[in-house]
C-alpha cells in the first residue's frame, strides 16, 4: 500500500496467481488442475499437493522453469508462490519441519532426490 492506500499492481497480480494455485489444489476436477497434473507428470515433478506440503522455494522455481514451455500462466503462478515461500523462510518461526527440500537456507548442504 502506498500513501493513497492503493495496492501495488505487482502484489495484486501475485495474489491472483497464488489464488489460482489454491483453487486448483482444492478443486482437482477442474480442467486446468488436470492439465497441470499431466504437465507435472511429463516432467517427473511432484504433484501440486506435494509442492505445498513438502517443497521449498527452490523446488517451486525448478518446477516453474519446466512449466514455462507448456503453460506460461502456471509457470508464473509457481514463480509467485516461490517468492511468497522465500519471504516466509526468512523468519524461523514460519518454518514448517516438513517443507525442507528446496529451502533457501539449506541450499548446497545436502541435495537429495524427492522422487
Protein backbone atom coordinates (compact mmCIF):
# COMPACT_ATOMS: atom_id res chain seq x y z
CA UNK A 1 0.00 0.00 0.00
CA UNK A 2 1.13 3.47 -0.75
CA UNK A 3 0.09 6.87 0.64
CA UNK A 4 -3.31 6.70 -1.09
CA UNK A 5 -3.93 3.13 0.11
CA UNK A 6 -3.75 1.87 -3.47
CA UNK A 7 -2.45 -1.68 -3.73
CA UNK A 8 0.72 -2.25 -5.73
CA UNK A 9 -0.30 -3.92 -9.03
CA UNK A 10 2.54 -6.45 -8.72
CA UNK A 11 1.22 -7.59 -5.32
CA UNK A 12 -2.30 -7.86 -6.72
CA UNK A 13 -1.09 -9.96 -9.66
CA UNK A 14 0.92 -12.26 -7.39
CA UNK A 15 -2.07 -12.64 -5.08
CA UNK A 16 -4.25 -13.70 -8.01
CA UNK A 17 -1.60 -16.16 -9.20
CA UNK A 18 -1.36 -17.70 -5.73
CA UNK A 19 -5.15 -17.82 -5.54
CA UNK A 20 -5.20 -19.76 -8.83
CA UNK A 21 -2.92 -22.43 -7.34
CA UNK A 22 -5.05 -22.60 -4.21
CA UNK A 23 -8.20 -23.12 -6.30
CA UNK A 24 -6.50 -25.84 -8.36
CA UNK A 25 -5.41 -27.56 -5.15
CA UNK A 26 -8.95 -27.51 -3.73
CA UNK A 27 -10.71 -28.45 -6.99
CA UNK A 28 -8.71 -31.22 -8.62
CA UNK A 29 -11.55 -31.96 -11.07
CA UNK A 30 -11.08 -28.61 -12.85
CA UNK A 31 -9.73 -28.86 -16.36
CA UNK A 32 -6.73 -26.67 -15.57
CA UNK A 33 -5.89 -28.79 -12.49
CA UNK A 34 -5.91 -31.90 -14.66
CA UNK A 35 -3.70 -30.18 -17.24
CA UNK A 36 -1.28 -29.12 -14.51
CA UNK A 37 -1.01 -32.65 -13.13
CA UNK A 38 -0.35 -34.03 -16.62
CA UNK A 39 2.41 -31.48 -17.20
CA UNK A 40 3.94 -32.23 -13.80
CA UNK A 41 3.93 -35.95 -14.62
CA UNK A 42 5.50 -35.21 -18.01
CA UNK A 43 8.47 -33.56 -16.29
CA UNK A 44 8.52 -36.02 -13.38
CA UNK A 45 7.81 -33.29 -10.83
CA UNK A 46 5.86 -33.74 -7.59
CA UNK A 47 2.13 -33.06 -7.54
CA UNK A 48 0.74 -29.66 -6.61
CA UNK A 49 -0.26 -31.03 -3.21
CA UNK A 50 3.29 -32.28 -2.62
CA UNK A 51 4.66 -28.88 -3.61
CA UNK A 52 2.53 -27.21 -0.94
CA UNK A 53 3.26 -29.81 1.74
CA UNK A 54 6.95 -30.52 1.30
CA UNK A 55 8.82 -28.23 -1.08
CA UNK A 56 10.70 -25.02 -0.51
CA UNK A 57 11.10 -22.07 -2.83
CA UNK A 58 13.96 -23.51 -4.88
CA UNK A 59 11.88 -26.51 -5.90
CA UNK A 60 8.94 -24.26 -6.85
CA UNK A 61 11.31 -22.36 -9.18
CA UNK A 62 12.59 -25.60 -10.72
CA UNK A 63 9.01 -26.60 -11.48
CA UNK A 64 8.22 -23.11 -12.82
CA UNK A 65 11.12 -23.44 -15.24
CA UNK A 66 9.78 -26.78 -16.50
CA UNK A 67 6.21 -25.44 -16.84
CA UNK A 68 7.30 -22.42 -18.87
CA UNK A 69 7.47 -24.40 -22.11
CA UNK A 70 3.94 -25.77 -21.73
CA UNK A 71 1.93 -23.19 -19.79
CA UNK A 72 3.18 -19.68 -19.05
CA UNK A 73 0.29 -18.84 -16.69
CA UNK A 74 1.03 -21.80 -14.43
CA UNK A 75 4.76 -21.14 -14.65
CA UNK A 76 4.25 -17.57 -13.44
CA UNK A 77 1.97 -18.80 -10.64
CA UNK A 78 4.68 -21.20 -9.44
CA UNK A 79 7.24 -18.37 -9.51
CA UNK A 80 4.89 -16.21 -7.49
CA UNK A 81 4.48 -18.95 -4.89
CA UNK A 82 8.25 -19.39 -4.75
CA UNK A 83 8.69 -15.69 -3.92
CA UNK A 84 6.00 -15.96 -1.24
CA UNK A 85 7.66 -19.00 0.36
CA UNK A 86 11.03 -17.28 0.16
CA UNK A 87 9.66 -14.39 2.22
CA UNK A 88 8.33 -16.84 4.82
CA UNK A 89 11.67 -18.65 5.01
CA UNK A 90 13.39 -15.54 6.35
CA UNK A 91 11.67 -15.88 9.73
CA UNK A 92 12.42 -19.14 11.52
CA UNK A 93 9.04 -19.22 13.30
CA UNK A 94 7.42 -19.67 9.88
CA UNK A 95 9.43 -22.79 9.08
CA UNK A 96 7.43 -25.97 8.66
CA UNK A 97 9.51 -29.01 9.54
CA UNK A 98 8.01 -30.87 6.55
CA UNK A 99 8.95 -28.29 3.91
CA UNK A 100 12.73 -28.65 3.94
CA UNK A 101 13.61 -29.85 0.46
CA UNK A 102 14.48 -26.79 -1.57
CA UNK A 103 14.64 -24.43 1.40
CA UNK A 104 16.72 -21.33 0.61
CA UNK A 105 18.80 -21.66 3.80
CA UNK A 106 19.67 -25.30 3.10
CA UNK A 107 20.99 -24.76 -0.43
CA UNK A 108 24.08 -26.79 -1.12
CA UNK A 109 24.11 -28.55 2.25
CA UNK A 110 22.53 -31.77 1.13
CA UNK A 111 20.97 -32.44 -2.23
CA UNK A 112 18.50 -35.28 -2.12
CA UNK A 113 16.04 -36.54 -4.66
CA UNK A 114 12.36 -36.11 -3.91
CA UNK A 115 11.28 -38.85 -6.29
